[in-house]
Amino acid sequence: MEFYDFSAVKMDGQSVSMADYKGKVVVVVNTASRCGFTPQFAGLEQLYKTYKDQGFEILGFPCNQFAGQDAGTNSEIEAFCQLNYGVTFTMFEKIKVNGKAADPLFQFLKSEAKGTLGSSIKWNFTKFLIDRSGHVVCRFASADEPEKMVDAIEKLL
């Protein structure tokens, strides 16, 4: 399996193949609307605006597995992100990232780039960087501000 073998459902209900992102540098991030790291939406959006014309994408996946910090519906989450942070990068429907019901994409990402405590995702806003060939290059922790990814992103662009 590789990154391009997976698909996900966008907030509008449309299924999207990760193969649609072939040739692009991609950041996949699990998000939450009511988390201490939620302000990272602003940094992620800034990265997206800065690099999107160079073949860069951010794919946001809301998750409610960490202290119930994204309990809203998909439409409530989408509205929150747009209203409070002006998010224009692609947001997908809420998923699970850990456990037996973890989304297959996140199972793959975790197996390709383990964190400091193994493959499990510790918290919201864990970020995976994928190169133009679909290889998972590295994983950034929740506490890593989006700006910390700039050098790695620029090397891949």
N, C-alpha and C. Protein backbone atom coordinates (compact mmCIF):
# COMPACT_ATOMS: atom_id res chain seq x y z
N MET A 1 0.84 -1.19 0.00
CA MET A 1 0.00 0.00 0.00
C MET A 1 0.88 1.25 0.00
N GLU A 2 0.38 2.28 -0.64
CA GLU A 2 1.06 3.56 -0.63
C GLU A 2 0.01 4.66 -0.44
N PHE A 3 0.47 5.86 -0.18
CA PHE A 3 -0.41 7.00 0.08
C PHE A 3 -1.51 7.12 -0.98
N TYR A 4 -1.14 6.95 -2.22
CA TYR A 4 -2.09 7.15 -3.33
C TYR A 4 -3.17 6.07 -3.43
N ASP A 5 -3.06 5.01 -2.66
CA ASP A 5 -4.06 3.94 -2.68
C ASP A 5 -5.28 4.25 -1.82
N PHE A 6 -5.22 5.31 -1.04
CA PHE A 6 -6.30 5.61 -0.10
C PHE A 6 -7.25 6.66 -0.65
N SER A 7 -8.40 6.75 -0.01
CA SER A 7 -9.36 7.79 -0.34
C SER A 7 -9.99 8.29 0.96
N ALA A 8 -10.64 9.44 0.85
CA ALA A 8 -11.31 10.02 2.02
C ALA A 8 -12.50 10.83 1.52
N VAL A 9 -13.38 11.17 2.45
CA VAL A 9 -14.60 11.90 2.10
C VAL A 9 -14.49 13.35 2.60
N LYS A 10 -14.61 14.27 1.66
CA LYS A 10 -14.54 15.69 2.00
C LYS A 10 -15.80 16.12 2.75
N MET A 11 -15.73 17.29 3.34
CA MET A 11 -16.86 17.82 4.11
C MET A 11 -18.15 17.89 3.29
N ASP A 12 -18.03 18.05 1.97
CA ASP A 12 -19.23 18.13 1.12
C ASP A 12 -19.76 16.75 0.73
N GLY A 13 -19.15 15.68 1.27
CA GLY A 13 -19.61 14.32 1.00
C GLY A 13 -18.96 13.68 -0.21
N GLN A 14 -18.10 14.41 -0.91
CA GLN A 14 -17.44 13.90 -2.10
C GLN A 14 -16.23 13.04 -1.72
N SER A 15 -16.17 11.84 -2.29
CA SER A 15 -15.03 10.95 -2.05
C SER A 15 -13.87 11.41 -2.94
N VAL A 16 -12.68 11.46 -2.34
CA VAL A 16 -11.50 11.92 -3.05
C VAL A 16 -10.40 10.87 -2.92
N SER A 17 -9.79 10.53 -4.02
CA SER A 17 -8.65 9.62 -4.00
C SER A 17 -7.39 10.42 -3.70
N MET A 18 -6.54 9.86 -2.87
CA MET A 18 -5.27 10.53 -2.60
C MET A 18 -4.42 10.59 -3.87
N ALA A 19 -4.75 9.75 -4.86
CA ALA A 19 -4.05 9.80 -6.15
C ALA A 19 -4.25 11.15 -6.83
N ASP A 20 -5.30 11.88 -6.45
CA ASP A 20 -5.53 13.23 -6.99
C ASP A 20 -4.40 14.18 -6.60
N TYR A 21 -3.61 13.80 -5.60
CA TYR A 21 -2.53 14.66 -5.10
C TYR A 21 -1.16 14.22 -5.61
N LYS A 22 -1.13 13.31 -6.60
CA LYS A 22 0.15 12.88 -7.17
C LYS A 22 0.90 14.09 -7.69
N GLY A 23 2.20 14.11 -7.41
CA GLY A 23 3.04 15.20 -7.88
C GLY A 23 3.03 16.42 -6.98
N LYS A 24 2.30 16.35 -5.86
CA LYS A 24 2.23 17.47 -4.92
C LYS A 24 2.88 17.10 -3.60
N VAL A 25 3.33 18.11 -2.90
CA VAL A 25 3.80 17.94 -1.52
C VAL A 25 2.57 18.12 -0.64
N VAL A 26 2.35 17.19 0.28
CA VAL A 26 1.11 17.17 1.06
C VAL A 26 1.42 17.09 2.56
N VAL A 27 0.65 17.86 3.34
CA VAL A 27 0.65 17.70 4.79
C VAL A 27 -0.73 17.17 5.16
N VAL A 28 -0.75 16.05 5.88
CA VAL A 28 -1.99 15.48 6.41
C VAL A 28 -1.96 15.72 7.91
N VAL A 29 -3.05 16.29 8.44
CA VAL A 29 -3.09 16.66 9.86
C VAL A 29 -4.44 16.29 10.46
N ASN A 30 -4.41 15.73 11.67
CA ASN A 30 -5.65 15.50 12.40
C ASN A 30 -5.93 16.75 13.24
N THR A 31 -7.12 17.28 13.12
CA THR A 31 -7.45 18.58 13.73
C THR A 31 -8.53 18.46 14.79
N ALA A 32 -8.72 19.55 15.53
CA ALA A 32 -9.80 19.65 16.51
C ALA A 32 -10.13 21.12 16.70
N SER A 33 -11.40 21.41 16.91
CA SER A 33 -11.87 22.79 17.01
C SER A 33 -11.76 23.40 18.40
N ARG A 34 -11.65 22.56 19.42
CA ARG A 34 -11.63 23.07 20.80
C ARG A 34 -10.44 22.50 21.56
N CYS A 35 -9.27 22.78 21.05
CA CYS A 35 -8.03 22.22 21.58
C CYS A 35 -7.04 23.36 21.81
N GLY A 36 -6.13 23.18 22.71
CA GLY A 36 -5.10 24.19 22.92
C GLY A 36 -4.27 24.45 21.67
N PHE A 37 -4.25 23.48 20.76
CA PHE A 37 -3.50 23.64 19.51
C PHE A 37 -4.35 24.15 18.36
N THR A 38 -5.64 24.39 18.59
CA THR A 38 -6.53 24.86 17.53
C THR A 38 -6.01 26.10 16.81
N PRO A 39 -5.35 27.05 17.49
CA PRO A 39 -4.81 28.21 16.76
C PRO A 39 -3.81 27.84 15.65
N GLN A 40 -3.35 26.57 15.63
CA GLN A 40 -2.47 26.15 14.54
C GLN A 40 -3.18 26.21 13.18
N PHE A 41 -4.51 26.26 13.18
CA PHE A 41 -5.22 26.43 11.92
C PHE A 41 -4.71 27.67 11.19
N ALA A 42 -4.43 28.74 11.92
CA ALA A 42 -3.95 29.98 11.30
C ALA A 42 -2.60 29.75 10.62
N GLY A 43 -1.68 29.08 11.30
CA GLY A 43 -0.37 28.79 10.72
C GLY A 43 -0.45 27.84 9.54
N LEU A 44 -1.33 26.85 9.64
CA LEU A 44 -1.51 25.93 8.52
C LEU A 44 -2.06 26.66 7.31
N GLU A 45 -3.04 27.53 7.54
CA GLU A 45 -3.62 28.29 6.43
C GLU A 45 -2.57 29.20 5.79
N GLN A 46 -1.71 29.79 6.60
CA GLN A 46 -0.65 30.65 6.06
C GLN A 46 0.31 29.83 5.20
N LEU A 47 0.69 28.65 5.67
CA LEU A 47 1.54 27.77 4.86
C LEU A 47 0.87 27.44 3.53
N TYR A 48 -0.42 27.12 3.60
CA TYR A 48 -1.15 26.76 2.40
C TYR A 48 -1.16 27.92 1.41
N LYS A 49 -1.48 29.11 1.88
CA LYS A 49 -1.51 30.29 0.99
C LYS A 49 -0.14 30.57 0.39
N THR A 50 0.90 30.37 1.18
CA THR A 50 2.26 30.66 0.72
C THR A 50 2.72 29.70 -0.37
N TYR A 51 2.39 28.42 -0.24
CA TYR A 51 2.98 27.40 -1.11
C TYR A 51 2.02 26.70 -2.07
N LYS A 52 0.72 26.99 -1.99
CA LYS A 52 -0.23 26.23 -2.81
C LYS A 52 0.04 26.35 -4.31
N ASP A 53 0.54 27.50 -4.76
CA ASP A 53 0.81 27.67 -6.19
C ASP A 53 2.06 26.93 -6.65
N GLN A 54 2.80 26.35 -5.68
CA GLN A 54 4.01 25.59 -6.00
C GLN A 54 3.75 24.08 -5.90
N GLY A 55 2.49 23.70 -5.79
CA GLY A 55 2.16 22.28 -5.71
C GLY A 55 2.12 21.75 -4.30
N PHE A 56 1.55 22.52 -3.38
CA PHE A 56 1.47 22.14 -1.97
C PHE A 56 0.02 22.05 -1.55
N GLU A 57 -0.31 21.03 -0.78
CA GLU A 57 -1.67 20.83 -0.27
C GLU A 57 -1.63 20.51 1.22
N ILE A 58 -2.67 20.93 1.92
CA ILE A 58 -2.90 20.52 3.30
C ILE A 58 -4.24 19.82 3.35
N LEU A 59 -4.28 18.67 3.98
CA LEU A 59 -5.50 17.88 4.11
C LEU A 59 -5.81 17.75 5.60
N GLY A 60 -6.91 18.37 6.03
CA GLY A 60 -7.29 18.36 7.44
C GLY A 60 -8.35 17.31 7.73
N PHE A 61 -8.13 16.56 8.81
CA PHE A 61 -9.04 15.50 9.21
C PHE A 61 -9.46 15.71 10.67
N PRO A 62 -10.65 16.25 10.91
CA PRO A 62 -11.12 16.42 12.29
C PRO A 62 -11.21 15.07 13.00
N CYS A 63 -10.91 15.11 14.28
CA CYS A 63 -10.94 13.89 15.10
C CYS A 63 -11.42 14.26 16.50
N ASN A 64 -12.31 13.45 17.04
CA ASN A 64 -12.87 13.71 18.37
C ASN A 64 -12.36 12.72 19.41
N GLN A 65 -11.25 12.06 19.14
CA GLN A 65 -10.75 11.02 20.04
C GLN A 65 -9.96 11.54 21.23
N PHE A 66 -9.62 12.81 21.24
CA PHE A 66 -8.77 13.34 22.30
C PHE A 66 -9.56 14.34 23.14
N ALA A 67 -10.07 13.87 24.27
CA ALA A 67 -10.82 14.68 25.23
C ALA A 67 -12.06 15.32 24.62
N GLY A 68 -12.63 14.70 23.59
CA GLY A 68 -13.87 15.20 22.98
C GLY A 68 -13.77 16.62 22.47
N GLN A 69 -12.62 16.95 21.87
CA GLN A 69 -12.38 18.34 21.48
C GLN A 69 -12.85 18.70 20.07
N ASP A 70 -13.57 17.79 19.42
CA ASP A 70 -14.20 18.12 18.14
C ASP A 70 -15.52 17.38 18.04
N ALA A 71 -16.42 17.70 18.98
CA ALA A 71 -17.68 16.97 19.11
C ALA A 71 -18.74 17.41 18.10
N GLY A 72 -18.53 18.52 17.42
CA GLY A 72 -19.54 19.04 16.51
C GLY A 72 -19.74 18.16 15.28
N THR A 73 -20.77 18.52 14.50
CA THR A 73 -21.01 17.83 13.24
C THR A 73 -19.98 18.31 12.21
N ASN A 74 -19.90 17.59 11.11
CA ASN A 74 -18.97 17.99 10.06
C ASN A 74 -19.25 19.42 9.59
N SER A 75 -20.51 19.77 9.40
CA SER A 75 -20.81 21.13 8.94
C SER A 75 -20.47 22.18 9.99
N GLU A 76 -20.66 21.86 11.26
CA GLU A 76 -20.27 22.80 12.32
C GLU A 76 -18.76 23.00 12.36
N ILE A 77 -18.02 21.91 12.19
CA ILE A 77 -16.56 21.98 12.18
C ILE A 77 -16.08 22.82 10.99
N GLU A 78 -16.65 22.55 9.83
CA GLU A 78 -16.25 23.30 8.63
C GLU A 78 -16.52 24.79 8.80
N ALA A 79 -17.71 25.13 9.31
CA ALA A 79 -18.06 26.54 9.53
C ALA A 79 -17.11 27.18 10.54
N PHE A 80 -16.79 26.48 11.60
CA PHE A 80 -15.87 26.99 12.62
C PHE A 80 -14.52 27.31 11.99
N CYS A 81 -13.98 26.39 11.21
CA CYS A 81 -12.66 26.57 10.60
C CYS A 81 -12.64 27.76 9.65
N GLN A 82 -13.69 27.91 8.87
CA GLN A 82 -13.75 29.01 7.91
C GLN A 82 -13.97 30.35 8.61
N LEU A 83 -14.88 30.38 9.56
CA LEU A 83 -15.22 31.63 10.24
C LEU A 83 -14.09 32.14 11.13
N ASN A 84 -13.48 31.24 11.90
CA ASN A 84 -12.47 31.65 12.87
C ASN A 84 -11.05 31.72 12.33
N TYR A 85 -10.75 30.92 11.31
CA TYR A 85 -9.36 30.85 10.82
C TYR A 85 -9.25 31.04 9.30
N GLY A 86 -10.36 31.25 8.62
CA GLY A 86 -10.32 31.46 7.18
C GLY A 86 -9.76 30.28 6.41
N VAL A 87 -9.98 29.08 6.92
CA VAL A 87 -9.40 27.88 6.31
C VAL A 87 -9.93 27.68 4.89
N THR A 88 -8.99 27.58 3.95
CA THR A 88 -9.35 27.30 2.55
C THR A 88 -8.76 25.98 2.07
N PHE A 89 -7.85 25.37 2.87
CA PHE A 89 -7.33 24.07 2.47
C PHE A 89 -8.43 23.03 2.68
N THR A 90 -8.25 21.87 2.09
CA THR A 90 -9.29 20.84 2.09
C THR A 90 -9.46 20.21 3.46
N MET A 91 -10.71 20.20 3.91
CA MET A 91 -11.08 19.54 5.16
C MET A 91 -11.95 18.34 4.81
N PHE A 92 -11.69 17.25 5.52
CA PHE A 92 -12.42 16.01 5.30
C PHE A 92 -13.36 15.74 6.47
N GLU A 93 -14.24 14.76 6.29
CA GLU A 93 -15.16 14.39 7.36
C GLU A 93 -14.39 13.86 8.56
N LYS A 94 -15.01 13.98 9.72
CA LYS A 94 -14.42 13.53 10.98
C LYS A 94 -14.11 12.04 10.93
N ILE A 95 -12.95 11.68 11.46
CA ILE A 95 -12.50 10.29 11.46
C ILE A 95 -11.92 9.93 12.83
N LYS A 96 -11.55 8.66 12.97
CA LYS A 96 -10.77 8.21 14.13
C LYS A 96 -9.35 7.93 13.63
N VAL A 97 -8.37 8.27 14.46
CA VAL A 97 -6.97 8.08 14.06
C VAL A 97 -6.27 6.98 14.84
N ASN A 98 -6.85 6.54 15.94
CA ASN A 98 -6.27 5.49 16.77
C ASN A 98 -7.31 4.39 17.00
N GLY A 99 -6.83 3.24 17.42
CA GLY A 99 -7.73 2.15 17.78
C GLY A 99 -8.14 1.30 16.59
N LYS A 100 -9.00 0.34 16.88
CA LYS A 100 -9.45 -0.61 15.84
C LYS A 100 -10.24 0.06 14.73
N ALA A 101 -10.90 1.17 15.05
CA ALA A 101 -11.71 1.86 14.04
C ALA A 101 -10.95 3.00 13.36
N ALA A 102 -9.63 3.02 13.54
CA ALA A 102 -8.82 4.09 12.93
C ALA A 102 -8.97 4.05 11.41
N ASP A 103 -9.04 5.23 10.83
CA ASP A 103 -9.14 5.36 9.38
C ASP A 103 -7.92 4.68 8.74
N PRO A 104 -8.14 3.93 7.65
CA PRO A 104 -7.02 3.24 6.99
C PRO A 104 -5.88 4.17 6.56
N LEU A 105 -6.19 5.38 6.13
CA LEU A 105 -5.13 6.32 5.75
C LEU A 105 -4.23 6.61 6.95
N PHE A 106 -4.83 6.83 8.10
CA PHE A 106 -4.03 7.14 9.28
C PHE A 106 -3.29 5.90 9.80
N GLN A 107 -3.87 4.72 9.63
CA GLN A 107 -3.13 3.51 9.97
C GLN A 107 -1.85 3.44 9.14
N PHE A 108 -1.97 3.74 7.86
CA PHE A 108 -0.82 3.74 6.97
C PHE A 108 0.20 4.81 7.38
N LEU A 109 -0.26 6.04 7.58
CA LEU A 109 0.65 7.13 7.93
C LEU A 109 1.42 6.81 9.21
N LYS A 110 0.72 6.29 10.20
CA LYS A 110 1.37 5.95 11.48
C LYS A 110 2.41 4.85 11.31
N SER A 111 2.15 3.92 10.42
CA SER A 111 3.12 2.84 10.20
C SER A 111 4.35 3.33 9.45
N GLU A 112 4.19 4.36 8.65
CA GLU A 112 5.29 4.90 7.86
C GLU A 112 6.16 5.89 8.65
N ALA A 113 5.58 6.57 9.60
CA ALA A 113 6.32 7.58 10.38
C ALA A 113 5.86 7.51 11.83
N LYS A 114 6.60 6.78 12.60
CA LYS A 114 6.26 6.61 14.02
C LYS A 114 6.64 7.85 14.81
N GLY A 115 5.95 8.07 15.91
CA GLY A 115 6.24 9.18 16.80
C GLY A 115 7.18 8.76 17.91
N THR A 116 7.38 9.63 18.87
CA THR A 116 8.31 9.34 19.96
C THR A 116 7.80 8.20 20.85
N LEU A 117 6.49 8.01 20.90
CA LEU A 117 5.93 6.94 21.74
C LEU A 117 5.38 5.78 20.91
N GLY A 118 5.93 5.58 19.72
CA GLY A 118 5.46 4.52 18.85
C GLY A 118 4.56 5.06 17.77
N SER A 119 3.71 4.19 17.23
CA SER A 119 2.92 4.61 16.09
C SER A 119 1.64 5.37 16.46
N SER A 120 1.12 5.21 17.65
CA SER A 120 -0.12 5.90 18.02
C SER A 120 0.04 7.42 17.93
N ILE A 121 -1.07 8.06 17.62
CA ILE A 121 -1.09 9.52 17.62
C ILE A 121 -1.42 9.96 19.03
N LYS A 122 -0.58 10.84 19.58
CA LYS A 122 -0.73 11.27 20.97
C LYS A 122 -1.86 12.27 21.15
N TRP A 123 -2.06 13.17 20.18
CA TRP A 123 -3.02 14.25 20.36
C TRP A 123 -3.38 14.86 19.03
N ASN A 124 -4.24 15.87 19.08
CA ASN A 124 -4.65 16.61 17.90
C ASN A 124 -3.46 17.34 17.27
N PHE A 125 -3.56 17.59 15.99
CA PHE A 125 -2.58 18.37 15.22
C PHE A 125 -1.23 17.66 15.05
N THR A 126 -1.27 16.33 14.96
CA THR A 126 -0.10 15.59 14.50
C THR A 126 -0.08 15.75 12.99
N LYS A 127 1.11 16.06 12.45
CA LYS A 127 1.22 16.41 11.04
C LYS A 127 2.17 15.45 10.32
N PHE A 128 1.74 14.93 9.17
CA PHE A 128 2.55 14.04 8.35
C PHE A 128 2.89 14.75 7.04
N LEU A 129 4.17 14.76 6.68
CA LEU A 129 4.63 15.40 5.45
C LEU A 129 4.92 14.33 4.41
N ILE A 130 4.31 14.49 3.23
CA ILE A 130 4.41 13.52 2.15
C ILE A 130 5.03 14.21 0.93
N ASP A 131 6.00 13.54 0.29
CA ASP A 131 6.68 14.16 -0.85
C ASP A 131 5.87 13.97 -2.14
N ARG A 132 6.39 14.52 -3.23
CA ARG A 132 5.69 14.50 -4.52
C ARG A 132 5.50 13.09 -5.09
N SER A 133 6.23 12.12 -4.55
CA SER A 133 6.11 10.73 -5.01
C SER A 133 5.22 9.90 -4.09
N GLY A 134 4.65 10.53 -3.07
CA GLY A 134 3.76 9.82 -2.16
C GLY A 134 4.44 9.15 -0.98
N HIS A 135 5.72 9.44 -0.77
CA HIS A 135 6.43 8.86 0.37
C HIS A 135 6.23 9.72 1.62
N VAL A 136 5.94 9.09 2.73
CA VAL A 136 5.81 9.80 4.00
C VAL A 136 7.23 10.14 4.45
N VAL A 137 7.55 11.42 4.46
CA VAL A 137 8.91 11.88 4.75
C VAL A 137 9.15 11.98 6.24
N CYS A 138 8.20 12.56 6.96
CA CYS A 138 8.38 12.72 8.40
C CYS A 138 7.06 13.06 9.07
N ARG A 139 7.13 13.06 10.38
CA ARG A 139 5.97 13.32 11.22
C ARG A 139 6.34 14.44 12.18
N PHE A 140 5.43 15.39 12.34
CA PHE A 140 5.62 16.49 13.28
C PHE A 140 4.61 16.34 14.41
N ALA A 141 5.06 16.56 15.63
CA ALA A 141 4.21 16.40 16.81
C ALA A 141 3.17 17.52 16.92
N SER A 142 2.19 17.28 17.75
CA SER A 142 1.14 18.26 18.00
C SER A 142 1.69 19.62 18.40
N ALA A 143 2.70 19.62 19.26
CA ALA A 143 3.26 20.87 19.76
C ALA A 143 4.12 21.60 18.73
N ASP A 144 4.47 20.93 17.64
CA ASP A 144 5.26 21.58 16.59
C ASP A 144 4.38 22.56 15.83
N GLU A 145 4.70 23.83 15.92
CA GLU A 145 3.95 24.85 15.18
C GLU A 145 4.13 24.61 13.68
N PRO A 146 3.13 24.95 12.88
CA PRO A 146 3.24 24.74 11.43
C PRO A 146 4.51 25.38 10.83
N GLU A 147 4.94 26.50 11.37
CA GLU A 147 6.13 27.18 10.85
C GLU A 147 7.37 26.30 10.94
N LYS A 148 7.37 25.36 11.86
CA LYS A 148 8.52 24.46 12.03
C LYS A 148 8.69 23.55 10.81
N MET A 149 7.65 23.41 10.00
CA MET A 149 7.69 22.55 8.83
C MET A 149 8.26 23.24 7.58
N VAL A 150 8.45 24.56 7.64
CA VAL A 150 8.82 25.34 6.45
C VAL A 150 10.05 24.78 5.74
N ASP A 151 11.14 24.56 6.46
CA ASP A 151 12.37 24.07 5.81
C ASP A 151 12.13 22.74 5.11
N ALA A 152 11.46 21.82 5.77
CA ALA A 152 11.20 20.51 5.19
C ALA A 152 10.30 20.62 3.95
N ILE A 153 9.30 21.48 4.02
CA ILE A 153 8.40 21.69 2.88
C ILE A 153 9.17 22.29 1.70
N GLU A 154 9.96 23.31 1.97
CA GLU A 154 10.70 23.97 0.89
C GLU A 154 11.68 23.03 0.22
N LYS A 155 12.28 22.13 0.97
CA LYS A 155 13.20 21.15 0.36
C LYS A 155 12.47 20.24 -0.63
N LEU A 156 11.21 19.93 -0.32
CA LEU A 156 10.44 19.04 -1.17
C LEU A 156 9.81 19.74 -2.38
N LEU A 157 9.59 21.03 -2.24
CA LEU A 157 9.00 21.78 -3.36
C LEU A 157 10.06 22.02 -4.42
